[in-house]
N, C-alpha and C. Protein backbone atom coordinates (compact mmCIF):
# COMPACT_ATOMS: atom_id res chain seq x y z
N MET A 1 73.32 118.88 64.68
CA MET A 1 74.34 118.04 64.04
C MET A 1 73.95 116.57 64.19
N LYS A 2 74.01 115.84 63.09
CA LYS A 2 73.63 114.43 63.10
C LYS A 2 74.73 113.57 63.70
N ILE A 3 74.33 112.35 64.09
CA ILE A 3 75.29 111.37 64.59
C ILE A 3 76.25 111.00 63.47
N ASN A 4 77.55 111.12 63.72
CA ASN A 4 78.53 110.80 62.68
C ASN A 4 79.60 109.82 63.16
N ALA A 5 79.38 109.24 64.34
CA ALA A 5 80.31 108.24 64.88
C ALA A 5 79.59 106.91 65.00
N GLY A 6 80.17 105.88 64.40
CA GLY A 6 79.56 104.55 64.44
C GLY A 6 79.65 103.91 65.82
N ALA A 7 79.00 102.75 65.96
CA ALA A 7 78.92 102.07 67.25
C ALA A 7 80.30 101.75 67.83
N TYR A 8 81.16 101.13 67.03
CA TYR A 8 82.50 100.77 67.51
C TYR A 8 83.32 102.03 67.83
N ASP A 9 83.16 103.02 67.00
CA ASP A 9 83.84 104.31 67.20
C ASP A 9 83.44 104.90 68.55
N ARG A 10 82.15 104.86 68.84
CA ARG A 10 81.64 105.43 70.08
C ARG A 10 82.12 104.65 71.30
N VAL A 11 82.13 103.32 71.16
CA VAL A 11 82.60 102.48 72.27
C VAL A 11 84.06 102.77 72.58
N ILE A 12 84.87 102.90 71.53
CA ILE A 12 86.30 103.19 71.72
C ILE A 12 86.49 104.55 72.38
N ARG A 13 85.69 105.54 71.97
CA ARG A 13 85.79 106.87 72.58
C ARG A 13 85.43 106.83 74.06
N ILE A 14 84.36 106.12 74.38
CA ILE A 14 83.95 105.99 75.78
C ILE A 14 85.04 105.28 76.58
N PHE A 15 85.59 104.22 75.98
CA PHE A 15 86.64 103.45 76.64
C PHE A 15 87.87 104.32 76.94
N ILE A 16 88.34 105.05 75.93
CA ILE A 16 89.51 105.91 76.12
C ILE A 16 89.22 107.00 77.14
N GLY A 17 87.99 107.54 77.08
CA GLY A 17 87.60 108.57 78.05
C GLY A 17 87.65 108.05 79.48
N LEU A 18 87.13 106.83 79.69
CA LEU A 18 87.14 106.23 81.03
C LEU A 18 88.57 105.93 81.49
N VAL A 19 89.40 105.48 80.55
CA VAL A 19 90.81 105.21 80.88
C VAL A 19 91.50 106.50 81.31
N LEU A 20 91.23 107.59 80.60
CA LEU A 20 91.83 108.88 80.96
C LEU A 20 91.36 109.34 82.34
N PHE A 21 90.08 109.07 82.65
CA PHE A 21 89.58 109.40 83.99
C PHE A 21 90.31 108.58 85.05
N GLY A 22 90.54 107.29 84.71
CA GLY A 22 91.26 106.42 85.64
C GLY A 22 92.68 106.88 85.86
N VAL A 23 93.36 107.23 84.77
CA VAL A 23 94.74 107.72 84.86
C VAL A 23 94.77 109.05 85.61
N TRP A 24 93.77 109.90 85.33
CA TRP A 24 93.65 111.19 86.01
C TRP A 24 93.59 110.99 87.53
N TYR A 25 92.81 110.00 87.96
CA TYR A 25 92.66 109.78 89.40
C TYR A 25 93.85 109.05 90.01
N LEU A 26 94.36 108.03 89.30
CA LEU A 26 95.37 107.15 89.88
C LEU A 26 96.79 107.70 89.83
N ARG A 27 97.09 108.52 88.82
CA ARG A 27 98.51 108.76 88.55
C ARG A 27 98.93 110.21 88.41
N LEU A 28 98.09 111.05 87.80
CA LEU A 28 98.55 112.37 87.40
C LEU A 28 98.31 113.44 88.45
N ALA A 29 98.97 114.58 88.25
CA ALA A 29 98.81 115.72 89.15
C ALA A 29 98.99 117.01 88.37
N ASP A 30 98.49 118.10 88.96
CA ASP A 30 98.67 119.44 88.40
C ASP A 30 98.15 119.55 86.96
N LEU A 31 98.95 120.12 86.04
CA LEU A 31 98.50 120.39 84.67
C LEU A 31 98.11 119.12 83.93
N TRP A 32 98.91 118.06 84.07
CA TRP A 32 98.60 116.81 83.37
C TRP A 32 97.27 116.24 83.84
N GLN A 33 96.95 116.42 85.10
CA GLN A 33 95.69 115.94 85.64
C GLN A 33 94.52 116.68 85.00
N ILE A 34 94.66 117.99 84.87
CA ILE A 34 93.61 118.81 84.26
C ILE A 34 93.41 118.42 82.80
N LEU A 35 94.52 118.27 82.06
CA LEU A 35 94.43 117.91 80.64
C LEU A 35 93.79 116.54 80.45
N ALA A 36 94.15 115.58 81.29
CA ALA A 36 93.57 114.23 81.19
C ALA A 36 92.08 114.28 81.48
N TYR A 37 91.67 115.09 82.45
CA TYR A 37 90.26 115.20 82.81
C TYR A 37 89.46 115.81 81.65
N ILE A 38 89.98 116.88 81.06
CA ILE A 38 89.28 117.54 79.95
C ILE A 38 89.17 116.62 78.75
N ALA A 39 90.29 115.95 78.40
CA ALA A 39 90.29 115.03 77.25
C ALA A 39 89.34 113.87 77.50
N GLY A 40 89.36 113.33 78.72
CA GLY A 40 88.47 112.22 79.06
C GLY A 40 87.01 112.61 78.98
N LEU A 41 86.68 113.79 79.49
CA LEU A 41 85.30 114.28 79.45
C LEU A 41 84.85 114.51 78.01
N PHE A 42 85.72 115.09 77.20
CA PHE A 42 85.41 115.36 75.79
C PHE A 42 85.12 114.07 75.03
N LEU A 43 85.97 113.07 75.20
CA LEU A 43 85.78 111.79 74.51
C LEU A 43 84.54 111.07 75.01
N LEU A 44 84.29 111.17 76.30
CA LEU A 44 83.12 110.52 76.88
C LEU A 44 81.83 111.11 76.31
N LEU A 45 81.78 112.43 76.20
CA LEU A 45 80.60 113.09 75.63
C LEU A 45 80.44 112.74 74.15
N ASN A 46 81.57 112.69 73.43
CA ASN A 46 81.53 112.29 72.02
C ASN A 46 80.95 110.90 71.87
N GLY A 47 81.42 109.99 72.72
CA GLY A 47 80.98 108.60 72.64
C GLY A 47 79.51 108.44 72.99
N ILE A 48 79.06 109.16 73.99
CA ILE A 48 77.65 109.05 74.42
C ILE A 48 76.71 109.65 73.38
N THR A 49 77.04 110.81 72.86
CA THR A 49 76.16 111.49 71.90
C THR A 49 76.32 110.97 70.47
N GLY A 50 77.50 110.39 70.17
CA GLY A 50 77.74 109.93 68.80
C GLY A 50 78.05 111.07 67.85
N ARG A 51 78.37 112.21 68.40
CA ARG A 51 78.65 113.39 67.57
C ARG A 51 80.08 113.87 67.79
N CYS A 52 80.83 113.96 66.72
CA CYS A 52 82.22 114.41 66.79
C CYS A 52 82.38 115.68 65.96
N PHE A 53 82.80 116.77 66.59
CA PHE A 53 82.95 118.04 65.89
C PHE A 53 84.07 117.98 64.85
N THR A 54 85.10 117.23 65.14
CA THR A 54 86.20 117.08 64.18
C THR A 54 85.72 116.38 62.92
N TYR A 55 84.92 115.33 63.11
CA TYR A 55 84.34 114.62 61.96
C TYR A 55 83.47 115.55 61.14
N GLU A 56 82.75 116.43 61.84
CA GLU A 56 81.85 117.36 61.16
C GLU A 56 82.65 118.33 60.28
N ILE A 57 83.77 118.79 60.78
CA ILE A 57 84.60 119.74 60.03
C ILE A 57 85.14 119.10 58.76
N PHE A 58 85.62 117.86 58.90
CA PHE A 58 86.25 117.17 57.76
C PHE A 58 85.28 116.26 57.00
N LYS A 59 84.00 116.38 57.32
CA LYS A 59 82.96 115.61 56.62
C LYS A 59 83.21 114.10 56.70
N ILE A 60 83.56 113.64 57.89
CA ILE A 60 83.81 112.21 58.11
C ILE A 60 82.61 111.59 58.81
N ASN A 61 82.29 110.38 58.44
CA ASN A 61 81.19 109.66 59.08
C ASN A 61 81.57 108.19 59.19
N THR A 62 81.64 107.68 60.43
CA THR A 62 82.04 106.28 60.63
C THR A 62 80.84 105.37 60.91
N CYS A 63 79.65 105.91 60.72
CA CYS A 63 78.46 105.07 60.89
C CYS A 63 78.42 104.01 59.78
N PRO A 64 78.19 102.75 60.14
CA PRO A 64 78.15 101.69 59.12
C PRO A 64 76.92 101.82 58.23
N LEU A 65 77.05 101.31 57.02
CA LEU A 65 75.92 101.35 56.09
C LEU A 65 74.81 100.41 56.52
N HIS A 66 75.18 99.35 57.21
CA HIS A 66 74.19 98.37 57.68
C HIS A 66 74.20 98.33 59.21
N PRO A 67 73.08 97.98 59.82
CA PRO A 67 73.01 97.92 61.28
C PRO A 67 74.07 96.98 61.87
N VAL A 68 74.64 97.39 62.98
CA VAL A 68 75.66 96.59 63.65
C VAL A 68 75.01 95.73 64.73
N SER A 69 75.44 94.48 64.83
CA SER A 69 74.91 93.57 65.84
C SER A 69 75.19 94.09 67.24
N LYS A 70 74.13 94.21 68.04
CA LYS A 70 74.29 94.69 69.41
C LYS A 70 75.13 93.73 70.24
N VAL A 71 75.02 92.45 69.94
CA VAL A 71 75.79 91.44 70.67
C VAL A 71 77.28 91.64 70.42
N LYS A 72 77.65 91.88 69.15
CA LYS A 72 79.06 92.10 68.81
C LYS A 72 79.60 93.36 69.48
N VAL A 73 78.78 94.39 69.49
CA VAL A 73 79.19 95.64 70.14
C VAL A 73 79.39 95.42 71.63
N MET A 74 78.48 94.65 72.25
CA MET A 74 78.57 94.37 73.68
C MET A 74 79.83 93.57 74.00
N ILE A 75 80.11 92.55 73.20
CA ILE A 75 81.31 91.72 73.41
C ILE A 75 82.57 92.59 73.26
N PHE A 76 82.57 93.42 72.23
CA PHE A 76 83.70 94.33 71.99
C PHE A 76 83.90 95.26 73.18
N SER A 77 82.78 95.75 73.72
CA SER A 77 82.83 96.67 74.86
C SER A 77 83.40 95.98 76.10
N ILE A 78 82.94 94.75 76.34
CA ILE A 78 83.39 94.00 77.52
C ILE A 78 84.89 93.73 77.44
N ILE A 79 85.36 93.36 76.24
CA ILE A 79 86.79 93.09 76.05
C ILE A 79 87.61 94.34 76.36
N LEU A 80 87.16 95.49 75.86
CA LEU A 80 87.87 96.74 76.11
C LEU A 80 87.89 97.09 77.59
N ILE A 81 86.74 96.90 78.24
CA ILE A 81 86.64 97.22 79.67
C ILE A 81 87.59 96.35 80.49
N VAL A 82 87.61 95.05 80.19
CA VAL A 82 88.48 94.13 80.93
C VAL A 82 89.95 94.52 80.76
N PHE A 83 90.36 94.74 79.51
CA PHE A 83 91.75 95.11 79.25
C PHE A 83 92.09 96.47 79.85
N GLY A 84 91.17 97.42 79.71
CA GLY A 84 91.42 98.77 80.20
C GLY A 84 91.59 98.83 81.71
N TRP A 85 90.65 98.26 82.43
CA TRP A 85 90.71 98.34 83.88
C TRP A 85 91.77 97.42 84.47
N SER A 86 92.10 96.35 83.76
CA SER A 86 93.23 95.51 84.18
C SER A 86 94.52 96.32 84.09
N GLY A 87 94.64 97.08 83.00
CA GLY A 87 95.82 97.92 82.83
C GLY A 87 95.91 98.99 83.90
N LEU A 88 94.76 99.60 84.24
CA LEU A 88 94.76 100.63 85.27
C LEU A 88 95.11 100.05 86.64
N PHE A 89 94.59 98.85 86.91
CA PHE A 89 94.91 98.19 88.18
C PHE A 89 96.41 97.90 88.27
N PHE A 90 96.96 97.40 87.16
CA PHE A 90 98.40 97.11 87.12
C PHE A 90 99.21 98.39 87.32
N THR A 91 98.76 99.47 86.67
CA THR A 91 99.45 100.76 86.80
C THR A 91 99.42 101.25 88.24
N SER A 92 98.25 101.09 88.88
CA SER A 92 98.10 101.52 90.27
C SER A 92 99.03 100.75 91.19
N GLN A 93 99.08 99.43 91.00
CA GLN A 93 99.94 98.60 91.83
C GLN A 93 101.42 98.91 91.60
N THR A 94 101.76 99.13 90.32
CA THR A 94 103.15 99.45 89.98
C THR A 94 103.58 100.77 90.59
N SER A 95 102.69 101.77 90.53
CA SER A 95 103.03 103.09 91.08
C SER A 95 103.21 103.03 92.60
N GLN A 96 102.39 102.21 93.26
CA GLN A 96 102.52 102.06 94.71
C GLN A 96 103.83 101.36 95.07
N THR A 97 104.18 100.34 94.28
CA THR A 97 105.45 99.64 94.51
C THR A 97 106.63 100.57 94.29
N SER A 98 106.54 101.37 93.22
CA SER A 98 107.60 102.33 92.91
C SER A 98 107.75 103.35 94.03
N LEU A 99 106.61 103.82 94.54
CA LEU A 99 106.62 104.78 95.65
C LEU A 99 107.29 104.18 96.87
N ALA A 100 106.93 102.94 97.19
CA ALA A 100 107.51 102.27 98.36
C ALA A 100 109.02 102.11 98.21
N ASN A 101 109.47 101.74 97.01
CA ASN A 101 110.90 101.57 96.77
C ASN A 101 111.66 102.89 96.89
N ASP A 102 111.07 103.95 96.32
CA ASP A 102 111.71 105.27 96.38
C ASP A 102 111.86 105.74 97.83
N ILE A 103 110.78 105.60 98.59
CA ILE A 103 110.81 106.04 99.99
C ILE A 103 111.80 105.20 100.79
N HIS A 104 111.85 103.91 100.50
CA HIS A 104 112.79 103.02 101.19
C HIS A 104 114.23 103.46 100.94
N GLN A 105 114.55 103.78 99.69
CA GLN A 105 115.92 104.20 99.36
C GLN A 105 116.27 105.53 100.02
N VAL A 106 115.33 106.47 99.99
CA VAL A 106 115.56 107.77 100.65
C VAL A 106 115.80 107.55 102.14
N ASN A 107 114.96 106.72 102.75
CA ASN A 107 115.07 106.46 104.18
C ASN A 107 116.40 105.79 104.54
N GLU A 108 116.82 104.83 103.72
CA GLU A 108 118.07 104.12 104.00
C GLU A 108 119.28 105.04 103.91
N HIS A 109 119.36 105.84 102.85
CA HIS A 109 120.51 106.75 102.70
C HIS A 109 120.48 107.85 103.76
N TYR A 110 119.29 108.30 104.11
CA TYR A 110 119.16 109.31 105.17
C TYR A 110 119.73 108.76 106.48
N LYS A 111 119.38 107.52 106.81
CA LYS A 111 119.88 106.91 108.04
C LYS A 111 121.40 106.75 108.01
N GLU A 112 121.93 106.41 106.83
CA GLU A 112 123.38 106.24 106.70
C GLU A 112 124.12 107.57 106.90
N VAL A 113 123.56 108.65 106.35
CA VAL A 113 124.19 109.97 106.52
C VAL A 113 124.23 110.32 108.01
N VAL A 114 123.10 110.15 108.69
CA VAL A 114 123.04 110.45 110.12
C VAL A 114 124.01 109.56 110.91
N PHE A 115 124.03 108.28 110.57
CA PHE A 115 124.89 107.32 111.28
C PHE A 115 126.36 107.72 111.22
N TYR A 116 126.84 108.03 110.01
CA TYR A 116 128.26 108.35 109.85
C TYR A 116 128.59 109.77 110.31
N ALA A 117 127.63 110.68 110.20
CA ALA A 117 127.85 112.05 110.69
C ALA A 117 127.98 112.05 112.21
N GLU A 118 127.18 111.23 112.88
CA GLU A 118 127.25 111.13 114.35
C GLU A 118 128.61 110.60 114.81
N ARG A 119 129.26 109.82 113.94
CA ARG A 119 130.56 109.24 114.27
C ARG A 119 131.71 110.03 113.64
N TRP A 120 131.40 111.20 113.11
CA TRP A 120 132.39 112.10 112.52
C TRP A 120 133.17 111.45 111.37
N ASN A 121 132.50 110.59 110.65
CA ASN A 121 133.10 109.97 109.46
C ASN A 121 132.62 110.78 108.25
N LYS A 122 133.31 111.88 108.02
CA LYS A 122 132.86 112.86 107.03
C LYS A 122 132.78 112.29 105.62
N ASP A 123 133.82 111.60 105.17
CA ASP A 123 133.86 111.11 103.78
C ASP A 123 132.73 110.15 103.47
N THR A 124 132.48 109.21 104.38
CA THR A 124 131.40 108.25 104.17
C THR A 124 130.04 108.93 104.26
N ALA A 125 129.92 109.90 105.16
CA ALA A 125 128.66 110.65 105.29
C ALA A 125 128.38 111.42 104.00
N ILE A 126 129.41 112.03 103.42
CA ILE A 126 129.25 112.77 102.16
C ILE A 126 128.85 111.83 101.03
N MET A 127 129.46 110.64 100.99
CA MET A 127 129.14 109.67 99.95
C MET A 127 127.65 109.30 99.99
N HIS A 128 127.15 109.04 101.20
CA HIS A 128 125.74 108.68 101.33
C HIS A 128 124.83 109.89 101.12
N TYR A 129 125.32 111.07 101.46
CA TYR A 129 124.54 112.29 101.21
C TYR A 129 124.33 112.49 99.71
N GLU A 130 125.38 112.28 98.93
CA GLU A 130 125.27 112.43 97.48
C GLU A 130 124.32 111.40 96.89
N LYS A 131 124.36 110.17 97.42
CA LYS A 131 123.42 109.14 96.97
C LYS A 131 121.99 109.51 97.38
N LEU A 132 121.87 110.04 98.59
CA LEU A 132 120.56 110.46 99.09
C LEU A 132 119.96 111.55 98.21
N MET A 133 120.77 112.55 97.84
CA MET A 133 120.28 113.64 97.00
C MET A 133 119.88 113.14 95.62
N SER A 134 120.65 112.20 95.08
CA SER A 134 120.34 111.65 93.76
C SER A 134 119.00 110.91 93.78
N VAL A 135 118.82 110.07 94.79
CA VAL A 135 117.58 109.29 94.92
C VAL A 135 116.40 110.21 95.22
N PHE A 136 116.61 111.15 96.15
CA PHE A 136 115.51 112.03 96.53
C PHE A 136 115.09 112.93 95.38
N TRP A 137 116.06 113.42 94.59
CA TRP A 137 115.73 114.32 93.50
C TRP A 137 114.83 113.62 92.46
N MET A 138 115.14 112.37 92.14
CA MET A 138 114.30 111.61 91.21
C MET A 138 112.91 111.40 91.80
N PHE A 139 112.85 111.07 93.07
CA PHE A 139 111.58 110.87 93.77
C PHE A 139 110.78 112.17 93.79
N TYR A 140 111.45 113.27 94.05
CA TYR A 140 110.82 114.59 94.12
C TYR A 140 110.22 114.99 92.77
N GLU A 141 111.00 114.84 91.70
CA GLU A 141 110.54 115.22 90.37
C GLU A 141 109.37 114.34 89.92
N ASN A 142 109.46 113.05 90.16
CA ASN A 142 108.38 112.13 89.77
C ASN A 142 107.10 112.42 90.53
N SER A 143 107.23 112.76 91.81
CA SER A 143 106.06 112.96 92.66
C SER A 143 105.29 114.23 92.32
N LYS A 144 105.95 115.20 91.70
CA LYS A 144 105.27 116.45 91.35
C LYS A 144 104.25 116.25 90.24
N ASN A 145 104.52 115.33 89.31
CA ASN A 145 103.64 115.13 88.17
C ASN A 145 102.88 113.81 88.19
N HIS A 146 103.36 112.86 88.99
CA HIS A 146 102.73 111.54 89.03
C HIS A 146 102.51 111.13 90.47
N VAL A 147 101.31 111.39 90.96
CA VAL A 147 101.01 111.11 92.35
C VAL A 147 100.15 109.85 92.46
N PRO A 148 100.66 108.78 93.09
CA PRO A 148 99.87 107.55 93.26
C PRO A 148 98.59 107.83 94.04
N ALA A 149 97.52 107.10 93.71
CA ALA A 149 96.22 107.34 94.34
C ALA A 149 96.28 107.19 95.85
N ILE A 150 97.18 106.33 96.33
CA ILE A 150 97.24 106.06 97.77
C ILE A 150 97.61 107.30 98.58
N ILE A 151 98.28 108.27 97.96
CA ILE A 151 98.65 109.49 98.68
C ILE A 151 98.04 110.74 98.05
N LYS A 152 97.19 110.55 97.03
CA LYS A 152 96.63 111.71 96.32
C LYS A 152 95.83 112.62 97.25
N ASN A 153 95.16 112.03 98.25
CA ASN A 153 94.32 112.82 99.14
C ASN A 153 95.09 113.40 100.33
N ASP A 154 96.38 113.08 100.41
CA ASP A 154 97.20 113.63 101.48
C ASP A 154 97.71 115.01 101.05
N LYS A 155 97.05 116.05 101.54
CA LYS A 155 97.38 117.42 101.13
C LYS A 155 98.76 117.86 101.62
N GLN A 156 99.31 117.17 102.58
CA GLN A 156 100.62 117.55 103.13
C GLN A 156 101.78 116.86 102.42
N PHE A 157 101.49 115.92 101.53
CA PHE A 157 102.56 115.13 100.91
C PHE A 157 103.55 116.01 100.14
N LEU A 158 103.05 116.78 99.19
CA LEU A 158 103.94 117.63 98.38
C LEU A 158 104.60 118.74 99.22
N PRO A 159 103.86 119.42 100.12
CA PRO A 159 104.53 120.39 100.99
C PRO A 159 105.63 119.75 101.85
N ASN A 160 105.39 118.52 102.30
CA ASN A 160 106.41 117.82 103.08
C ASN A 160 107.65 117.53 102.24
N LEU A 161 107.44 117.17 100.97
CA LEU A 161 108.58 116.94 100.08
C LEU A 161 109.38 118.22 99.89
N GLU A 162 108.68 119.34 99.75
CA GLU A 162 109.37 120.63 99.60
C GLU A 162 110.19 120.94 100.86
N ASN A 163 109.62 120.62 102.01
CA ASN A 163 110.31 120.86 103.27
C ASN A 163 111.57 119.99 103.38
N ILE A 164 111.45 118.72 102.99
CA ILE A 164 112.61 117.82 103.02
C ILE A 164 113.68 118.31 102.06
N LYS A 165 113.27 118.75 100.88
CA LYS A 165 114.22 119.25 99.88
C LYS A 165 115.00 120.45 100.43
N THR A 166 114.28 121.36 101.08
CA THR A 166 114.93 122.54 101.65
C THR A 166 115.96 122.16 102.71
N ILE A 167 115.58 121.21 103.56
CA ILE A 167 116.49 120.77 104.62
C ILE A 167 117.72 120.09 104.03
N LEU A 168 117.51 119.21 103.06
CA LEU A 168 118.64 118.50 102.44
C LEU A 168 119.59 119.46 101.74
N ASP A 169 119.02 120.47 101.08
CA ASP A 169 119.87 121.48 100.41
C ASP A 169 120.70 122.26 101.42
N SER A 170 120.09 122.55 102.57
CA SER A 170 120.78 123.36 103.59
C SER A 170 121.88 122.58 104.31
N VAL A 171 121.81 121.26 104.24
CA VAL A 171 122.78 120.41 104.95
C VAL A 171 124.13 120.36 104.25
N LYS A 172 124.14 120.58 102.94
CA LYS A 172 125.36 120.37 102.15
C LYS A 172 126.56 121.15 102.68
N ASP A 173 126.41 122.46 102.86
CA ASP A 173 127.53 123.28 103.32
C ASP A 173 128.02 122.85 104.70
N ASP A 174 127.08 122.51 105.57
CA ASP A 174 127.46 122.06 106.92
C ASP A 174 128.26 120.77 106.86
N LEU A 175 127.86 119.90 105.95
CA LEU A 175 128.53 118.60 105.82
C LEU A 175 129.97 118.77 105.33
N TYR A 176 130.14 119.63 104.36
CA TYR A 176 131.48 119.83 103.77
C TYR A 176 132.40 120.67 104.66
N THR A 177 131.82 121.39 105.62
CA THR A 177 132.65 122.22 106.51
C THR A 177 132.78 121.61 107.91
N TRP A 178 132.50 120.32 108.01
CA TRP A 178 132.69 119.57 109.25
C TRP A 178 131.73 119.98 110.37
N ASN A 179 130.66 120.66 110.05
CA ASN A 179 129.69 121.00 111.10
C ASN A 179 128.70 119.84 111.22
N LEU A 180 129.22 118.68 111.58
CA LEU A 180 128.43 117.45 111.54
C LEU A 180 127.34 117.39 112.60
N THR A 181 127.55 118.06 113.71
CA THR A 181 126.52 118.09 114.76
C THR A 181 125.26 118.78 114.24
N LEU A 182 125.45 119.88 113.51
CA LEU A 182 124.32 120.60 112.93
C LEU A 182 123.66 119.76 111.83
N VAL A 183 124.47 119.01 111.09
CA VAL A 183 123.93 118.12 110.05
C VAL A 183 122.95 117.13 110.66
N VAL A 184 123.38 116.48 111.74
CA VAL A 184 122.53 115.50 112.42
C VAL A 184 121.26 116.16 112.94
N SER A 185 121.42 117.35 113.52
CA SER A 185 120.27 118.08 114.08
C SER A 185 119.24 118.41 113.00
N LYS A 186 119.72 118.87 111.84
CA LYS A 186 118.81 119.22 110.74
C LYS A 186 118.13 117.99 110.16
N LEU A 187 118.92 116.94 109.95
CA LEU A 187 118.37 115.74 109.32
C LEU A 187 117.35 115.04 110.21
N ASN A 188 117.53 115.13 111.52
CA ASN A 188 116.57 114.50 112.43
C ASN A 188 115.18 115.11 112.32
N VAL A 189 115.11 116.34 111.83
CA VAL A 189 113.82 117.01 111.66
C VAL A 189 112.96 116.30 110.63
N ILE A 190 113.60 115.72 109.60
CA ILE A 190 112.82 115.10 108.52
C ILE A 190 112.43 113.66 108.84
N ASP A 191 112.91 113.13 109.96
CA ASP A 191 112.61 111.73 110.29
C ASP A 191 111.11 111.49 110.43
N ASN A 192 110.41 112.37 111.15
CA ASN A 192 108.97 112.21 111.35
C ASN A 192 108.21 112.29 110.04
N VAL A 193 108.68 113.17 109.15
CA VAL A 193 108.02 113.31 107.84
C VAL A 193 108.16 112.03 107.03
N LEU A 194 109.38 111.49 106.99
CA LEU A 194 109.60 110.24 106.26
C LEU A 194 108.79 109.10 106.85
N GLN A 195 108.74 109.02 108.16
CA GLN A 195 107.99 107.95 108.81
C GLN A 195 106.50 108.05 108.52
N SER A 196 105.98 109.27 108.46
CA SER A 196 104.55 109.45 108.16
C SER A 196 104.23 109.01 106.74
N ILE A 197 105.15 109.27 105.80
CA ILE A 197 104.95 108.84 104.42
C ILE A 197 105.00 107.32 104.33
N ILE A 198 105.92 106.71 105.07
CA ILE A 198 106.05 105.25 105.08
C ILE A 198 104.77 104.61 105.60
N ILE A 199 104.19 105.19 106.65
CA ILE A 199 102.95 104.66 107.22
C ILE A 199 101.81 104.75 106.22
N ILE A 200 101.72 105.88 105.49
CA ILE A 200 100.66 106.08 104.50
C ILE A 200 100.72 105.04 103.41
N GLN A 201 101.92 104.80 102.86
CA GLN A 201 102.02 103.89 101.74
C GLN A 201 102.07 102.43 102.20
């Protein structure tokens, strides 16, 4: 199969492929991570070889009729690289900030539940428990599909989240039935887990 992708076309494919690799490493997890990796690899190979199977099927050819200036292609490539990696850096920093904020909120509401449960203030403890569950649930759902690079290599992160979720779910009945001593005992188990996550990020 002949080359059917022009210089700018190939540069854009390589650029998008590299961006997908960056997103794959910095942000995604599970199925989305696999899809981003496959798409990135596919586009990268297309860009390097200059051959696109889709173009071949539909008889498309983006090669210019006249030679393209290598200087222009290089400048175009540099601009894409600068914008692309700047965006990835911004995304990485944003995800880390978001992670820190989520963990901070979970930690604060967790402490409030324990504080009021220890003092047998059931209504206030329940109020903070409901806020804790709301914040934690959003954090839990986001973390399953979007894992910041700073914790991507921590194999215990997601299992720890599952453990915290199980404990928080089990606390509800005890809280509503005034078994506040057991509530405090159960919640204290997750303190070390939360602190380890705070240290990582």
